[in-house]
């Protein structure tokens, strides 16, 4: 039962740090151009004959 004293704060800290990283990525514009990345895969500019 004393293990919960250590595990619960560590789990909360990891969860909050993951949330902070996700919010940081939203604010820095990581998810702004979702269509462009999908269309870049289909571009065949590197295949020149």
PDB file of N, CA and C in Angstrom:
ATOM      1  N   UNK A   1       0.806  -1.193   0.000  1.00  0.00           N
ATOM      2  CA  UNK A   1       0.000   0.000   0.000  1.00  0.00           C
ATOM      3  C   UNK A   1       0.855   1.265   0.000  1.00  0.00           C
ATOM      4  N   UNK A   2       2.042   1.173   0.545  1.00  0.00           N
ATOM      5  CA  UNK A   2       2.913   2.353   0.555  1.00  0.00           C
ATOM      6  C   UNK A   2       3.474   2.647  -0.831  1.00  0.00           C
ATOM      7  N   UNK A   3       3.406   1.645  -1.708  1.00  0.00           N
ATOM      8  CA  UNK A   3       3.869   1.859  -3.081  1.00  0.00           C
ATOM      9  C   UNK A   3       3.001   2.904  -3.777  1.00  0.00           C
ATOM     10  N   UNK A   4       1.735   2.995  -3.416  1.00  0.00           N
ATOM     11  CA  UNK A   4       0.842   3.991  -4.013  1.00  0.00           C
ATOM     12  C   UNK A   4       1.284   5.411  -3.705  1.00  0.00           C
ATOM     13  N   UNK A   5       1.963   5.602  -2.612  1.00  0.00           N
ATOM     14  CA  UNK A   5       2.465   6.928  -2.261  1.00  0.00           C
ATOM     15  C   UNK A   5       3.497   7.389  -3.287  1.00  0.00           C
ATOM     16  N   UNK A   6       4.221   6.465  -3.880  1.00  0.00           N
ATOM     17  CA  UNK A   6       5.221   6.797  -4.887  1.00  0.00           C
ATOM     18  C   UNK A   6       4.649   6.757  -6.295  1.00  0.00           C
ATOM     19  N   UNK A   7       3.818   5.766  -6.561  1.00  0.00           N
ATOM     20  CA  UNK A   7       3.322   5.574  -7.921  1.00  0.00           C
ATOM     21  C   UNK A   7       2.285   6.618  -8.335  1.00  0.00           C
ATOM     22  N   UNK A   8       1.436   7.013  -7.444  1.00  0.00           N
ATOM     23  CA  UNK A   8       0.395   7.983  -7.790  1.00  0.00           C
ATOM     24  C   UNK A   8       0.967   9.343  -8.186  1.00  0.00           C
ATOM     25  N   UNK A   9       1.880   9.933  -7.431  1.00  0.00           N
ATOM     26  CA  UNK A   9       2.465  11.201  -7.893  1.00  0.00           C
ATOM     27  C   UNK A   9       3.273  11.057  -9.181  1.00  0.00           C
ATOM     28  N   UNK A  10       3.958   9.919  -9.341  1.00  0.00           N
ATOM     29  CA  UNK A  10       4.718   9.718 -10.575  1.00  0.00           C
ATOM     30  C   UNK A  10       3.787   9.607 -11.775  1.00  0.00           C
ATOM     31  N   UNK A  11       2.664   8.928 -11.624  1.00  0.00           N
ATOM     32  CA  UNK A  11       1.695   8.799 -12.713  1.00  0.00           C
ATOM     33  C   UNK A  11       1.080  10.150 -13.050  1.00  0.00           C
ATOM     34  N   UNK A  12       0.765  10.928 -12.026  1.00  0.00           N
ATOM     35  CA  UNK A  12       0.221  12.266 -12.262  1.00  0.00           C
ATOM     36  C   UNK A  12       1.245  13.163 -12.949  1.00  0.00           C
ATOM     37  N   UNK A  13       2.492  13.068 -12.538  1.00  0.00           N
ATOM     38  CA  UNK A  13       3.548  13.871 -13.152  1.00  0.00           C
ATOM     39  C   UNK A  13       3.756  13.496 -14.620  1.00  0.00           C
ATOM     40  N   UNK A  14       3.754  12.214 -14.912  1.00  0.00           N
ATOM     41  CA  UNK A  14       3.904  11.771 -16.299  1.00  0.00           C
ATOM     42  C   UNK A  14       2.712  12.192 -17.150  1.00  0.00           C
ATOM     43  N   UNK A  15       1.526  12.088 -16.605  1.00  0.00           N
ATOM     44  CA  UNK A  15       0.331  12.500 -17.339  1.00  0.00           C
ATOM     45  C   UNK A  15       0.317  13.992 -17.615  1.00  0.00           C
ATOM     46  N   UNK A  16       0.683  14.780 -16.618  1.00  0.00           N
ATOM     47  CA  UNK A  16       0.719  16.234 -16.808  1.00  0.00           C
ATOM     48  C   UNK A  16       1.828  16.662 -17.765  1.00  0.00           C
ATOM     49  N   UNK A  17       2.952  15.966 -17.742  1.00  0.00           N
ATOM     50  CA  UNK A  17       4.022  16.310 -18.687  1.00  0.00           C
ATOM     51  C   UNK A  17       3.623  15.930 -20.112  1.00  0.00           C
ATOM     52  N   UNK A  18       2.892  14.843 -20.285  1.00  0.00           N
ATOM     53  CA  UNK A  18       2.390  14.489 -21.613  1.00  0.00           C
ATOM     54  C   UNK A  18       1.371  15.499 -22.112  1.00  0.00           C
ATOM     55  N   UNK A  19       0.515  15.953 -21.230  1.00  0.00           N
ATOM     56  CA  UNK A  19      -0.457  16.973 -21.591  1.00  0.00           C
ATOM     57  C   UNK A  19       0.235  18.286 -21.942  1.00  0.00           C
ATOM     58  N   UNK A  20       1.255  18.646 -21.182  1.00  0.00           N
ATOM     59  CA  UNK A  20       2.002  19.869 -21.468  1.00  0.00           C
ATOM     60  C   UNK A  20       2.707  19.774 -22.819  1.00  0.00           C
ATOM     61  N   UNK A  21       3.269  18.620 -23.151  1.00  0.00           N
ATOM     62  CA  UNK A  21       3.933  18.440 -24.447  1.00  0.00           C
ATOM     63  C   UNK A  21       2.920  18.523 -25.586  1.00  0.00           C
ATOM     64  N   UNK A  22       1.738  17.962 -25.386  1.00  0.00           N
ATOM     65  CA  UNK A  22       0.708  18.028 -26.413  1.00  0.00           C
ATOM     66  C   UNK A  22       0.234  19.462 -26.621  1.00  0.00           C
ATOM     67  N   UNK A  23       0.012  20.192 -25.533  1.00  0.00           N
ATOM     68  CA  UNK A  23      -0.419  21.588 -25.661  1.00  0.00           C
ATOM     69  C   UNK A  23       0.669  22.449 -26.300  1.00  0.00           C
ATOM     70  N   UNK A  24       1.926  22.172 -25.982  1.00  0.00           N
ATOM     71  CA  UNK A  24       3.031  22.895 -26.613  1.00  0.00           C
ATOM     72  C   UNK A  24       3.063  22.631 -28.122  1.00  0.00           C
ATOM     73  N   UNK A  25       2.836  21.383 -28.525  1.00  0.00           N
ATOM     74  CA  UNK A  25       2.850  21.067 -29.954  1.00  0.00           C
ATOM     75  C   UNK A  25       1.673  21.716 -30.674  1.00  0.00           C
ATOM     76  N   UNK A  26       0.541  21.856 -30.008  1.00  0.00           N
ATOM     77  CA  UNK A  26      -0.590  22.561 -30.608  1.00  0.00           C
ATOM     78  C   UNK A  26      -0.263  24.036 -30.820  1.00  0.00           C
ATOM     79  N   UNK A  27       0.349  24.653 -29.824  1.00  0.00           N
ATOM     80  CA  UNK A  27       0.664  26.082 -29.914  1.00  0.00           C
ATOM     81  C   UNK A  27       1.790  26.372 -30.890  1.00  0.00           C
ATOM     82  N   UNK A  28       2.684  25.407 -31.110  1.00  0.00           N
ATOM     83  CA  UNK A  28       3.804  25.649 -32.017  1.00  0.00           C
ATOM     84  C   UNK A  28       3.444  25.353 -33.468  1.00  0.00           C
ATOM     85  N   UNK A  29       2.218  24.885 -33.729  1.00  0.00           N
ATOM     86  CA  UNK A  29       1.765  24.705 -35.101  1.00  0.00           C
ATOM     87  C   UNK A  29       2.088  23.363 -35.719  1.00  0.00           C
ATOM     88  N   UNK A  30       2.255  22.334 -34.916  1.00  0.00           N
ATOM     89  CA  UNK A  30       2.581  21.015 -35.453  1.00  0.00           C
ATOM     90  C   UNK A  30       1.427  20.405 -36.241  1.00  0.00           C
ATOM     91  N   UNK A  31       0.205  20.788 -35.944  1.00  0.00           N
ATOM     92  CA  UNK A  31      -0.960  20.176 -36.571  1.00  0.00           C
ATOM     93  C   UNK A  31      -1.696  21.135 -37.496  1.00  0.00           C
ATOM     94  N   UNK A  32      -1.011  22.159 -37.988  1.00  0.00           N
ATOM     95  CA  UNK A  32      -1.675  23.160 -38.820  1.00  0.00           C
ATOM     96  C   UNK A  32      -2.003  22.651 -40.220  1.00  0.00           C
ATOM     97  N   UNK A  33      -1.077  21.948 -40.847  1.00  0.00           N
ATOM     98  CA  UNK A  33      -1.245  21.547 -42.241  1.00  0.00           C
ATOM     99  C   UNK A  33      -1.338  20.031 -42.348  1.00  0.00           C
ATOM    100  N   UNK A  34      -2.487  19.490 -42.024  1.00  0.00           N
ATOM    101  CA  UNK A  34      -2.655  18.038 -42.075  1.00  0.00           C
ATOM    102  C   UNK A  34      -2.838  17.538 -43.509  1.00  0.00           C
ATOM    103  N   UNK A  35      -3.429  18.347 -44.376  1.00  0.00           N
ATOM    104  CA  UNK A  35      -3.646  17.931 -45.759  1.00  0.00           C
ATOM    105  C   UNK A  35      -2.356  17.946 -46.567  1.00  0.00           C
ATOM    106  N   UNK A  36      -1.507  18.914 -46.319  1.00  0.00           N
ATOM    107  CA  UNK A  36      -0.262  19.033 -47.074  1.00  0.00           C
ATOM    108  C   UNK A  36       0.651  17.840 -46.877  1.00  0.00           C
ATOM    109  N   UNK A  37       0.727  17.334 -45.664  1.00  0.00           N
ATOM    110  CA  UNK A  37       1.572  16.173 -45.389  1.00  0.00           C
ATOM    111  C   UNK A  37       1.040  14.934 -46.104  1.00  0.00           C
ATOM    112  N   UNK A  38      -0.264  14.806 -46.183  1.00  0.00           N
ATOM    113  CA  UNK A  38      -0.852  13.649 -46.851  1.00  0.00           C
ATOM    114  C   UNK A  38      -0.621  13.720 -48.358  1.00  0.00           C
ATOM    115  N   UNK A  39      -0.638  14.905 -48.917  1.00  0.00           N
ATOM    116  CA  UNK A  39      -0.436  15.044 -50.356  1.00  0.00           C
ATOM    117  C   UNK A  39       1.037  14.969 -50.745  1.00  0.00           C
ATOM    118  N   UNK A  40       1.931  15.320 -49.836  1.00  0.00           N
ATOM    119  CA  UNK A  40       3.362  15.248 -50.127  1.00  0.00           C
ATOM    120  C   UNK A  40       3.830  13.819 -50.336  1.00  0.00           C
ATOM    121  N   UNK A  41       3.149  12.863 -49.738  1.00  0.00           N
ATOM    122  CA  UNK A  41       3.512  11.456 -49.901  1.00  0.00           C
ATOM    123  C   UNK A  41       3.281  11.022 -51.343  1.00  0.00           C
ATOM    124  N   UNK A  42       2.263  11.584 -51.979  1.00  0.00           N
ATOM    125  CA  UNK A  42       1.907  11.178 -53.336  1.00  0.00           C
ATOM    126  C   UNK A  42       2.731  11.879 -54.403  1.00  0.00           C
ATOM    127  N   UNK A  43       3.541  12.852 -54.028  1.00  0.00           N
ATOM    128  CA  UNK A  43       4.324  13.620 -54.983  1.00  0.00           C
ATOM    129  C   UNK A  43       5.498  12.763 -55.483  1.00  0.00           C
ATOM    130  N   UNK A  44       5.662  12.690 -56.809  1.00  0.00           N
ATOM    131  CA  UNK A  44       6.727  11.865 -57.417  1.00  0.00           C
ATOM    132  C   UNK A  44       7.835  12.698 -58.019  1.00  0.00           C
ATOM    133  N   UNK A  45       8.218  13.785 -57.402  1.00  0.00           N
ATOM    134  CA  UNK A  45       9.266  14.642 -57.959  1.00  0.00           C
ATOM    135  C   UNK A  45      10.629  13.985 -57.935  1.00  0.00           C
ATOM    136  N   UNK A  46      10.892  13.103 -57.000  1.00  0.00           N
ATOM    137  CA  UNK A  46      12.217  12.488 -56.901  1.00  0.00           C
ATOM    138  C   UNK A  46      12.433  11.363 -57.913  1.00  0.00           C
ATOM    139  N   UNK A  47      11.392  10.924 -58.598  1.00  0.00           N
ATOM    140  CA  UNK A  47      11.533   9.850 -59.590  1.00  0.00           C
ATOM    141  C   UNK A  47      11.648  10.453 -60.991  1.00  0.00           C
ATOM    142  N   UNK A  48      12.868  10.828 -61.368  1.00  0.00           N
ATOM    143  CA  UNK A  48      13.115  11.392 -62.701  1.00  0.00           C
ATOM    144  C   UNK A  48      13.809  10.356 -63.555  1.00  0.00           C
ATOM    145  N   UNK A  49      13.348  10.232 -64.765  1.00  0.00           N
ATOM    146  CA  UNK A  49      13.918   9.204 -65.648  1.00  0.00           C
ATOM    147  C   UNK A  49      14.880   9.806 -66.622  1.00  0.00           C
TER     148      UNK A  49
END
